[in-house]
Structures are given as C-alpha cells and as structure tokens.
Amino acid sequence: MIARARSAITENGGWILDAKLFSNVSINLSFEIPASRIGSLRDALALIELHLTTSSLESIAQHRSDESDIAGSLQITFIHNEPDIRIQVPAIPG
C-alpha cells in the first residue's frame, strides 16, 4: 500500500515531503500537490482502495479550483494479524 500511495501522489505531480512509519501499524505521508491535480489524486487513491474520510473529500472539493500547490497528509492504517515490529534502538554514548 505504501508504494501504491506514493505512486498515486507522484504520478499526479505531487511530491512526498516526509514519511513517518509507526511500527507496522500505520504510516503518515506528508505531501504537496498542485491543487488542479487533487481530484485526480482522489480518484487514484480510490483505485487502490484507500478510502478517504468525509471531511477529506469535502476539503478536496473546496480546493479543486485553486491555482496553487496544497499541502496534505495521508495517515494509512494497516489491517493485519502480524505482531508489531520490534526496532532495536542503538545506545547513544554519553
């Protein structure tokens, strides 16, 4: 899903500014995209079965006619039965 969401953003002229992974539970992708492409991004996300909230859909409807770039974020929660990923944090001297 991460690769699909990334492709949906970049193929619609957007770029990812930051990504934060929360174990294997969820990821947050911060991005910017031309406002004129936000409707296409919405459609691309629907094709990969990434469902947006009602408030997100309403916000997209308001920004479709803007000429500027807009900032957005996707919080994707993964549904699975796998255990949480354990990440070893290295000891910091001092």
PDB file of N, CA and C in Angstrom:
ATOM      1  N   MET A   1       0.821  -1.188   0.000  1.00  0.00           N
ATOM      2  CA  MET A   1       0.000   0.000   0.000  1.00  0.00           C
ATOM      3  C   MET A   1       0.869   1.256   0.000  1.00  0.00           C
ATOM      4  N   ILE A   2       2.006   1.195   0.676  1.00  0.00           N
ATOM      5  CA  ILE A   2       2.882   2.370   0.717  1.00  0.00           C
ATOM      6  C   ILE A   2       3.335   2.738  -0.694  1.00  0.00           C
ATOM      7  N   ALA A   3       3.785   1.765  -1.446  1.00  0.00           N
ATOM      8  CA  ALA A   3       4.252   2.026  -2.819  1.00  0.00           C
ATOM      9  C   ALA A   3       3.109   2.531  -3.695  1.00  0.00           C
ATOM     10  N   ARG A   4       1.930   1.991  -3.513  1.00  0.00           N
ATOM     11  CA  ARG A   4       0.780   2.436  -4.304  1.00  0.00           C
ATOM     12  C   ARG A   4       0.399   3.876  -3.977  1.00  0.00           C
ATOM     13  N   ALA A   5       0.397   4.230  -2.704  1.00  0.00           N
ATOM     14  CA  ALA A   5       0.070   5.600  -2.305  1.00  0.00           C
ATOM     15  C   ALA A   5       1.136   6.569  -2.816  1.00  0.00           C
ATOM     16  N   ARG A   6       2.403   6.173  -2.697  1.00  0.00           N
ATOM     17  CA  ARG A   6       3.495   7.014  -3.194  1.00  0.00           C
ATOM     18  C   ARG A   6       3.335   7.245  -4.694  1.00  0.00           C
ATOM     19  N   SER A   7       3.042   6.195  -5.439  1.00  0.00           N
ATOM     20  CA  SER A   7       2.853   6.320  -6.888  1.00  0.00           C
ATOM     21  C   SER A   7       1.663   7.217  -7.219  1.00  0.00           C
ATOM     22  N   ALA A   8       0.574   7.074  -6.474  1.00  0.00           N
ATOM     23  CA  ALA A   8      -0.606   7.907  -6.719  1.00  0.00           C
ATOM     24  C   ALA A   8      -0.265   9.387  -6.551  1.00  0.00           C
ATOM     25  N   ILE A   9       0.547   9.697  -5.559  1.00  0.00           N
ATOM     26  CA  ILE A   9       0.939  11.094  -5.322  1.00  0.00           C
ATOM     27  C   ILE A   9       1.867  11.587  -6.421  1.00  0.00           C
ATOM     28  N   THR A  10       2.932  10.851  -6.685  1.00  0.00           N
ATOM     29  CA  THR A  10       3.937  11.324  -7.647  1.00  0.00           C
ATOM     30  C   THR A  10       3.423  11.326  -9.079  1.00  0.00           C
ATOM     31  N   GLU A  11       2.577  10.377  -9.435  1.00  0.00           N
ATOM     32  CA  GLU A  11       2.042  10.332 -10.792  1.00  0.00           C
ATOM     33  C   GLU A  11       1.050  11.467 -11.061  1.00  0.00           C
ATOM     34  N   ASN A  12       0.606  12.129 -10.008  1.00  0.00           N
ATOM     35  CA  ASN A  12      -0.296  13.267 -10.157  1.00  0.00           C
ATOM     36  C   ASN A  12       0.414  14.588  -9.891  1.00  0.00           C
ATOM     37  N   GLY A  13       1.738  14.587 -10.040  1.00  0.00           N
ATOM     38  CA  GLY A  13       2.505  15.822  -9.951  1.00  0.00           C
ATOM     39  C   GLY A  13       2.864  16.255  -8.550  1.00  0.00           C
ATOM     40  N   GLY A  14       2.602  15.403  -7.570  1.00  0.00           N
ATOM     41  CA  GLY A  14       2.916  15.738  -6.190  1.00  0.00           C
ATOM     42  C   GLY A  14       4.273  15.205  -5.782  1.00  0.00           C
ATOM     43  N   TRP A  15       4.695  15.603  -4.607  1.00  0.00           N
ATOM     44  CA  TRP A  15       5.955  15.103  -4.070  1.00  0.00           C
ATOM     45  C   TRP A  15       5.784  14.888  -2.570  1.00  0.00           C
ATOM     46  N   ILE A  16       6.426  13.837  -2.079  1.00  0.00           N
ATOM     47  CA  ILE A  16       6.348  13.483  -0.666  1.00  0.00           C
ATOM     48  C   ILE A  16       7.408  14.270   0.091  1.00  0.00           C
ATOM     49  N   LEU A  17       6.986  14.960   1.125  1.00  0.00           N
ATOM     50  CA  LEU A  17       7.879  15.778   1.935  1.00  0.00           C
ATOM     51  C   LEU A  17       8.440  15.014   3.125  1.00  0.00           C
ATOM     52  N   ASP A  18       7.651  14.093   3.673  1.00  0.00           N
ATOM     53  CA  ASP A  18       8.070  13.361   4.867  1.00  0.00           C
ATOM     54  C   ASP A  18       7.250  12.089   4.981  1.00  0.00           C
ATOM     55  N   ALA A  19       7.844  11.096   5.594  1.00  0.00           N
ATOM     56  CA  ALA A  19       7.147   9.838   5.861  1.00  0.00           C
ATOM     57  C   ALA A  19       7.534   9.371   7.253  1.00  0.00           C
ATOM     58  N   LYS A  20       6.537   9.008   8.037  1.00  0.00           N
ATOM     59  CA  LYS A  20       6.781   8.506   9.390  1.00  0.00           C
ATOM     60  C   LYS A  20       6.073   7.172   9.527  1.00  0.00           C
ATOM     61  N   LEU A  21       6.842   6.147   9.819  1.00  0.00           N
ATOM     62  CA  LEU A  21       6.318   4.800   9.983  1.00  0.00           C
ATOM     63  C   LEU A  21       6.135   4.529  11.470  1.00  0.00           C
ATOM     64  N   PHE A  22       4.988   4.057  11.847  1.00  0.00           N
ATOM     65  CA  PHE A  22       4.679   3.718  13.226  1.00  0.00           C
ATOM     66  C   PHE A  22       4.563   2.203  13.328  1.00  0.00           C
ATOM     67  N   SER A  23       5.735   1.562  13.588  1.00  0.00           N
ATOM     68  CA  SER A  23       5.854   0.110  13.597  1.00  0.00           C
ATOM     69  C   SER A  23       5.275  -0.402  12.275  1.00  0.00           C
ATOM     70  N   ASN A  24       4.502  -1.459  12.324  1.00  0.00           N
ATOM     71  CA  ASN A  24       3.823  -1.920  11.115  1.00  0.00           C
ATOM     72  C   ASN A  24       2.322  -1.671  11.239  1.00  0.00           C
ATOM     73  N   VAL A  25       1.985  -0.683  12.075  1.00  0.00           N
ATOM     74  CA  VAL A  25       0.588  -0.348  12.332  1.00  0.00           C
ATOM     75  C   VAL A  25       0.082   0.706  11.353  1.00  0.00           C
ATOM     76  N   SER A  26       0.897   1.746  11.123  1.00  0.00           N
ATOM     77  CA  SER A  26       0.451   2.824  10.236  1.00  0.00           C
ATOM     78  C   SER A  26       1.640   3.615   9.716  1.00  0.00           C
ATOM     79  N   ILE A  27       1.349   4.460   8.737  1.00  0.00           N
ATOM     80  CA  ILE A  27       2.342   5.371   8.176  1.00  0.00           C
ATOM     81  C   ILE A  27       1.651   6.703   7.908  1.00  0.00           C
ATOM     82  N   ASN A  28       2.399   7.780   8.068  1.00  0.00           N
ATOM     83  CA  ASN A  28       1.910   9.100   7.742  1.00  0.00           C
ATOM     84  C   ASN A  28       2.783   9.665   6.623  1.00  0.00           C
ATOM     85  N   LEU A  29       2.171  10.016   5.506  1.00  0.00           N
ATOM     86  CA  LEU A  29       2.867  10.616   4.372  1.00  0.00           C
ATOM     87  C   LEU A  29       2.440  12.076   4.258  1.00  0.00           C
ATOM     88  N   SER A  30       3.389  12.994   4.387  1.00  0.00           N
ATOM     89  CA  SER A  30       3.124  14.420   4.162  1.00  0.00           C
ATOM     90  C   SER A  30       3.534  14.730   2.730  1.00  0.00           C
ATOM     91  N   PHE A  31       2.701  15.487   2.017  1.00  0.00           N
ATOM     92  CA  PHE A  31       2.979  15.748   0.607  1.00  0.00           C
ATOM     93  C   PHE A  31       2.458  17.108   0.193  1.00  0.00           C
ATOM     94  N   GLU A  32       2.906  17.559  -0.959  1.00  0.00           N
ATOM     95  CA  GLU A  32       2.337  18.724  -1.637  1.00  0.00           C
ATOM     96  C   GLU A  32       1.975  18.296  -3.045  1.00  0.00           C
ATOM     97  N   ILE A  33       0.925  18.913  -3.565  1.00  0.00           N
ATOM     98  CA  ILE A  33       0.445  18.573  -4.902  1.00  0.00           C
ATOM     99  C   ILE A  33      -0.216  19.815  -5.509  1.00  0.00           C
ATOM    100  N   PRO A  34      -0.113  19.989  -6.818  1.00  0.00           N
ATOM    101  CA  PRO A  34      -0.835  21.098  -7.437  1.00  0.00           C
ATOM    102  C   PRO A  34      -2.340  20.942  -7.172  1.00  0.00           C
ATOM    103  N   ALA A  35      -2.983  22.028  -6.767  1.00  0.00           N
ATOM    104  CA  ALA A  35      -4.410  21.959  -6.442  1.00  0.00           C
ATOM    105  C   ALA A  35      -5.230  21.437  -7.614  1.00  0.00           C
ATOM    106  N   SER A  36      -4.783  21.728  -8.823  1.00  0.00           N
ATOM    107  CA  SER A  36      -5.526  21.284 -10.010  1.00  0.00           C
ATOM    108  C   SER A  36      -5.500  19.768 -10.174  1.00  0.00           C
ATOM    109  N   ARG A  37      -4.601  19.079  -9.469  1.00  0.00           N
ATOM    110  CA  ARG A  37      -4.468  17.618  -9.596  1.00  0.00           C
ATOM    111  C   ARG A  37      -5.081  16.866  -8.420  1.00  0.00           C
ATOM    112  N   ILE A  38      -5.659  17.584  -7.458  1.00  0.00           N
ATOM    113  CA  ILE A  38      -6.161  16.921  -6.253  1.00  0.00           C
ATOM    114  C   ILE A  38      -7.326  15.973  -6.562  1.00  0.00           C
ATOM    115  N   GLY A  39      -8.157  16.321  -7.528  1.00  0.00           N
ATOM    116  CA  GLY A  39      -9.251  15.424  -7.915  1.00  0.00           C
ATOM    117  C   GLY A  39      -8.723  14.137  -8.528  1.00  0.00           C
ATOM    118  N   SER A  40      -7.664  14.248  -9.319  1.00  0.00           N
ATOM    119  CA  SER A  40      -7.040  13.059  -9.910  1.00  0.00           C
ATOM    120  C   SER A  40      -6.405  12.191  -8.835  1.00  0.00           C
ATOM    121  N   LEU A  41      -5.813  12.838  -7.824  1.00  0.00           N
ATOM    122  CA  LEU A  41      -5.235  12.068  -6.712  1.00  0.00           C
ATOM    123  C   LEU A  41      -6.329  11.330  -5.964  1.00  0.00           C
ATOM    124  N   ARG A  42      -7.447  12.003  -5.705  1.00  0.00           N
ATOM    125  CA  ARG A  42      -8.576  11.345  -5.037  1.00  0.00           C
ATOM    126  C   ARG A  42      -9.005  10.098  -5.800  1.00  0.00           C
ATOM    127  N   ASP A  43      -9.114  10.218  -7.137  1.00  0.00           N
ATOM    128  CA  ASP A  43      -9.518   9.082  -7.961  1.00  0.00           C
ATOM    129  C   ASP A  43      -8.478   7.969  -7.939  1.00  0.00           C
ATOM    130  N   ALA A  44      -7.195   8.337  -7.972  1.00  0.00           N
ATOM    131  CA  ALA A  44      -6.114   7.342  -7.938  1.00  0.00           C
ATOM    132  C   ALA A  44      -6.110   6.601  -6.613  1.00  0.00           C
ATOM    133  N   LEU A  45      -6.371   7.305  -5.517  1.00  0.00           N
ATOM    134  CA  LEU A  45      -6.422   6.652  -4.207  1.00  0.00           C
ATOM    135  C   LEU A  45      -7.613   5.708  -4.116  1.00  0.00           C
ATOM    136  N   ALA A  46      -8.733   6.086  -4.718  1.00  0.00           N
ATOM    137  CA  ALA A  46      -9.907   5.208  -4.732  1.00  0.00           C
ATOM    138  C   ALA A  46      -9.612   3.928  -5.508  1.00  0.00           C
ATOM    139  N   LEU A  47      -8.833   4.033  -6.592  1.00  0.00           N
ATOM    140  CA  LEU A  47      -8.492   2.854  -7.388  1.00  0.00           C
ATOM    141  C   LEU A  47      -7.657   1.844  -6.611  1.00  0.00           C
ATOM    142  N   ILE A  48      -6.852   2.326  -5.659  1.00  0.00           N
ATOM    143  CA  ILE A  48      -6.034   1.409  -4.857  1.00  0.00           C
ATOM    144  C   ILE A  48      -6.739   1.062  -3.545  1.00  0.00           C
ATOM    145  N   GLU A  49      -8.018   1.404  -3.461  1.00  0.00           N
ATOM    146  CA  GLU A  49      -8.876   1.102  -2.319  1.00  0.00           C
ATOM    147  C   GLU A  49      -8.406   1.756  -1.026  1.00  0.00           C
ATOM    148  N   LEU A  50      -7.864   2.969  -1.152  1.00  0.00           N
ATOM    149  CA  LEU A  50      -7.519   3.772   0.006  1.00  0.00           C
ATOM    150  C   LEU A  50      -8.672   4.753   0.190  1.00  0.00           C
ATOM    151  N   HIS A  51      -9.429   4.578   1.242  1.00  0.00           N
ATOM    152  CA  HIS A  51     -10.664   5.317   1.447  1.00  0.00           C
ATOM    153  C   HIS A  51     -10.417   6.585   2.265  1.00  0.00           C
ATOM    154  N   LEU A  52     -10.869   7.711   1.749  1.00  0.00           N
ATOM    155  CA  LEU A  52     -10.713   8.994   2.425  1.00  0.00           C
ATOM    156  C   LEU A  52     -11.916   9.270   3.312  1.00  0.00           C
ATOM    157  N   THR A  53     -11.691  10.062   4.360  1.00  0.00           N
ATOM    158  CA  THR A  53     -12.779  10.444   5.245  1.00  0.00           C
ATOM    159  C   THR A  53     -13.685  11.445   4.540  1.00  0.00           C
ATOM    160  N   THR A  54     -14.874  11.613   5.070  1.00  0.00           N
ATOM    161  CA  THR A  54     -15.820  12.574   4.513  1.00  0.00           C
ATOM    162  C   THR A  54     -15.250  13.985   4.559  1.00  0.00           C
ATOM    163  N   SER A  55     -14.590  14.332   5.658  1.00  0.00           N
ATOM    164  CA  SER A  55     -14.017  15.687   5.757  1.00  0.00           C
ATOM    165  C   SER A  55     -12.898  15.884   4.734  1.00  0.00           C
ATOM    166  N   SER A  56     -12.139  14.834   4.434  1.00  0.00           N
ATOM    167  CA  SER A  56     -11.101  14.940   3.402  1.00  0.00           C
ATOM    168  C   SER A  56     -11.726  15.165   2.034  1.00  0.00           C
ATOM    169  N   LEU A  57     -12.776  14.445   1.735  1.00  0.00           N
ATOM    170  CA  LEU A  57     -13.455  14.608   0.447  1.00  0.00           C
ATOM    171  C   LEU A  57     -14.047  16.014   0.310  1.00  0.00           C
ATOM    172  N   GLU A  58     -14.592  16.553   1.398  1.00  0.00           N
ATOM    173  CA  GLU A  58     -15.132  17.907   1.372  1.00  0.00           C
ATOM    174  C   GLU A  58     -14.023  18.932   1.150  1.00  0.00           C
ATOM    175  N   SER A  59     -12.877  18.725   1.781  1.00  0.00           N
ATOM    176  CA  SER A  59     -11.742  19.633   1.610  1.00  0.00           C
ATOM    177  C   SER A  59     -11.232  19.604   0.172  1.00  0.00           C
ATOM    178  N   ILE A  60     -11.183  18.424  -0.416  1.00  0.00           N
ATOM    179  CA  ILE A  60     -10.754  18.293  -1.818  1.00  0.00           C
ATOM    180  C   ILE A  60     -11.706  19.064  -2.726  1.00  0.00           C
ATOM    181  N   ALA A  61     -12.990  18.979  -2.479  1.00  0.00           N
ATOM    182  CA  ALA A  61     -13.978  19.679  -3.306  1.00  0.00           C
ATOM    183  C   ALA A  61     -13.776  21.193  -3.246  1.00  0.00           C
ATOM    184  N   GLN A  62     -13.318  21.703  -2.106  1.00  0.00           N
ATOM    185  CA  GLN A  62     -13.099  23.141  -1.958  1.00  0.00           C
ATOM    186  C   GLN A  62     -11.836  23.611  -2.669  1.00  0.00           C
ATOM    187  N   HIS A  63     -10.827  22.758  -2.822  1.00  0.00           N
ATOM    188  CA  HIS A  63      -9.536  23.178  -3.353  1.00  0.00           C
ATOM    189  C   HIS A  63      -9.325  22.852  -4.828  1.00  0.00           C
ATOM    190  N   ARG A  64     -10.257  22.258  -5.462  1.00  0.00           N
ATOM    191  CA  ARG A  64     -10.054  21.819  -6.842  1.00  0.00           C
ATOM    192  C   ARG A  64      -9.795  22.961  -7.808  1.00  0.00           C
ATOM    193  N   SER A  65     -10.320  24.156  -7.535  1.00  0.00           N
ATOM    194  CA  SER A  65     -10.169  25.242  -8.490  1.00  0.00           C
ATOM    195  C   SER A  65      -8.981  26.152  -8.179  1.00  0.00           C
ATOM    196  N   ASP A  66      -8.297  25.905  -7.076  1.00  0.00           N
ATOM    197  CA  ASP A  66      -7.139  26.730  -6.729  1.00  0.00           C
ATOM    198  C   ASP A  66      -6.023  26.541  -7.741  1.00  0.00           C
ATOM    199  N   GLU A  67      -5.212  27.570  -7.907  1.00  0.00           N
ATOM    200  CA  GLU A  67      -4.085  27.514  -8.836  1.00  0.00           C
ATOM    201  C   GLU A  67      -2.772  27.144  -8.140  1.00  0.00           C
ATOM    202  N   SER A  68      -2.758  27.174  -6.816  1.00  0.00           N
ATOM    203  CA  SER A  68      -1.527  26.962  -6.067  1.00  0.00           C
ATOM    204  C   SER A  68      -1.321  25.483  -5.710  1.00  0.00           C
ATOM    205  N   ASP A  69      -0.173  25.214  -5.113  1.00  0.00           N
ATOM    206  CA  ASP A  69       0.075  23.886  -4.551  1.00  0.00           C
ATOM    207  C   ASP A  69      -0.579  23.832  -3.181  1.00  0.00           C
ATOM    208  N   ILE A  70      -1.022  22.653  -2.805  1.00  0.00           N
ATOM    209  CA  ILE A  70      -1.595  22.492  -1.477  1.00  0.00           C
ATOM    210  C   ILE A  70      -0.857  21.380  -0.745  1.00  0.00           C
ATOM    211  N   ALA A  71      -0.809  21.513   0.567  1.00  0.00           N
ATOM    212  CA  ALA A  71      -0.173  20.509   1.415  1.00  0.00           C
ATOM    213  C   ALA A  71      -1.238  19.537   1.902  1.00  0.00           C
ATOM    214  N   GLY A  72      -0.843  18.308   2.055  1.00  0.00           N
ATOM    215  CA  GLY A  72      -1.760  17.301   2.556  1.00  0.00           C
ATOM    216  C   GLY A  72      -1.001  16.214   3.288  1.00  0.00           C
ATOM    217  N   SER A  73      -1.746  15.343   3.907  1.00  0.00           N
ATOM    218  CA  SER A  73      -1.123  14.185   4.538  1.00  0.00           C
ATOM    219  C   SER A  73      -2.078  13.011   4.466  1.00  0.00           C
ATOM    220  N   LEU A  74      -1.501  11.851   4.367  1.00  0.00           N
ATOM    221  CA  LEU A  74      -2.267  10.609   4.395  1.00  0.00           C
ATOM    222  C   LEU A  74      -1.824   9.828   5.614  1.00  0.00           C
ATOM    223  N   GLN A  75      -2.764   9.447   6.442  1.00  0.00           N
ATOM    224  CA  GLN A  75      -2.488   8.556   7.563  1.00  0.00           C
ATOM    225  C   GLN A  75      -3.091   7.220   7.177  1.00  0.00           C
ATOM    226  N   ILE A  76      -2.233   6.255   6.886  1.00  0.00           N
ATOM    227  CA  ILE A  76      -2.684   4.943   6.434  1.00  0.00           C
ATOM    228  C   ILE A  76      -2.521   3.959   7.579  1.00  0.00           C
ATOM    229  N   THR A  77      -3.598   3.309   7.958  1.00  0.00           N
ATOM    230  CA  THR A  77      -3.565   2.291   8.999  1.00  0.00           C
ATOM    231  C   THR A  77      -3.654   0.929   8.329  1.00  0.00           C
ATOM    232  N   PHE A  78      -2.727   0.057   8.692  1.00  0.00           N
ATOM    233  CA  PHE A  78      -2.668  -1.270   8.093  1.00  0.00           C
ATOM    234  C   PHE A  78      -3.490  -2.253   8.924  1.00  0.00           C
ATOM    235  N   ILE A  79      -4.307  -3.023   8.253  1.00  0.00           N
ATOM    236  CA  ILE A  79      -5.131  -4.026   8.919  1.00  0.00           C
ATOM    237  C   ILE A  79      -4.522  -5.392   8.634  1.00  0.00           C
ATOM    238  N   HIS A  80      -4.031  -6.029   9.690  1.00  0.00           N
ATOM    239  CA  HIS A  80      -3.395  -7.347   9.561  1.00  0.00           C
ATOM    240  C   HIS A  80      -3.326  -8.005  10.927  1.00  0.00           C
ATOM    241  N   ASN A  81      -2.880  -9.238  10.971  1.00  0.00           N
ATOM    242  CA  ASN A  81      -2.759 -10.001  12.216  1.00  0.00           C
ATOM    243  C   ASN A  81      -1.313 -10.245  12.606  1.00  0.00           C
ATOM    244  N   GLU A  82      -0.395  -9.485  12.051  1.00  0.00           N
ATOM    245  CA  GLU A  82       1.016  -9.682  12.351  1.00  0.00           C
ATOM    246  C   GLU A  82       1.389  -8.969  13.649  1.00  0.00           C
ATOM    247  N   PRO A  83       2.389  -9.485  14.369  1.00  0.00           N
ATOM    248  CA  PRO A  83       2.824  -8.791  15.585  1.00  0.00           C
ATOM    249  C   PRO A  83       3.535  -7.485  15.231  1.00  0.00           C
ATOM    250  N   ASP A  84       3.586  -6.569  16.204  1.00  0.00           N
ATOM    251  CA  ASP A  84       4.287  -5.303  15.994  1.00  0.00           C
ATOM    252  C   ASP A  84       5.752  -5.566  15.677  1.00  0.00           C
ATOM    253  N   ILE A  85       6.320  -4.703  14.857  1.00  0.00           N
ATOM    254  CA  ILE A  85       7.755  -4.777  14.548  1.00  0.00           C
ATOM    255  C   ILE A  85       8.526  -4.244  15.737  1.00  0.00           C
ATOM    256  N   ARG A  86       9.546  -4.964  16.143  1.00  0.00           N
ATOM    257  CA  ARG A  86      10.441  -4.504  17.209  1.00  0.00           C
ATOM    258  C   ARG A  86      11.678  -3.920  16.567  1.00  0.00           C
ATOM    259  N   ILE A  87      11.927  -2.649  16.832  1.00  0.00           N
ATOM    260  CA  ILE A  87      13.081  -1.964  16.253  1.00  0.00           C
ATOM    261  C   ILE A  87      14.108  -1.731  17.359  1.00  0.00           C
ATOM    262  N   GLN A  88      15.309  -2.226  17.162  1.00  0.00           N
ATOM    263  CA  GLN A  88      16.383  -2.006  18.120  1.00  0.00           C
ATOM    264  C   GLN A  88      16.879  -0.586  18.012  1.00  0.00           C
ATOM    265  N   VAL A  89      16.864   0.128  19.115  1.00  0.00           N
ATOM    266  CA  VAL A  89      17.372   1.487  19.150  1.00  0.00           C
ATOM    267  C   VAL A  89      18.815   1.418  19.651  1.00  0.00           C
ATOM    268  N   PRO A  90      19.766   1.917  18.840  1.00  0.00           N
ATOM    269  CA  PRO A  90      21.154   1.836  19.269  1.00  0.00           C
ATOM    270  C   PRO A  90      21.413   2.718  20.489  1.00  0.00           C
ATOM    271  N   ALA A  91      22.321   2.249  21.355  1.00  0.00           N
ATOM    272  CA  ALA A  91      22.701   3.037  22.537  1.00  0.00           C
ATOM    273  C   ALA A  91      23.474   4.270  22.066  1.00  0.00           C
ATOM    274  N   ILE A  92      23.175   5.384  22.686  1.00  0.00           N
ATOM    275  CA  ILE A  92      23.862   6.630  22.347  1.00  0.00           C
ATOM    276  C   ILE A  92      24.898   6.897  23.440  1.00  0.00           C
ATOM    277  N   PRO A  93      26.171   7.013  23.057  1.00  0.00           N
ATOM    278  CA  PRO A  93      27.188   7.258  24.068  1.00  0.00           C
ATOM    279  C   PRO A  93      26.959   8.586  24.793  1.00  0.00           C
ATOM    280  N   GLY A  94      27.311   8.601  26.073  1.00  0.00           N
ATOM    281  CA  GLY A  94      27.261   9.858  26.804  1.00  0.00           C
ATOM    282  C   GLY A  94      26.362   9.777  27.921  1.00  0.00           C
TER     283      GLY A  94
END
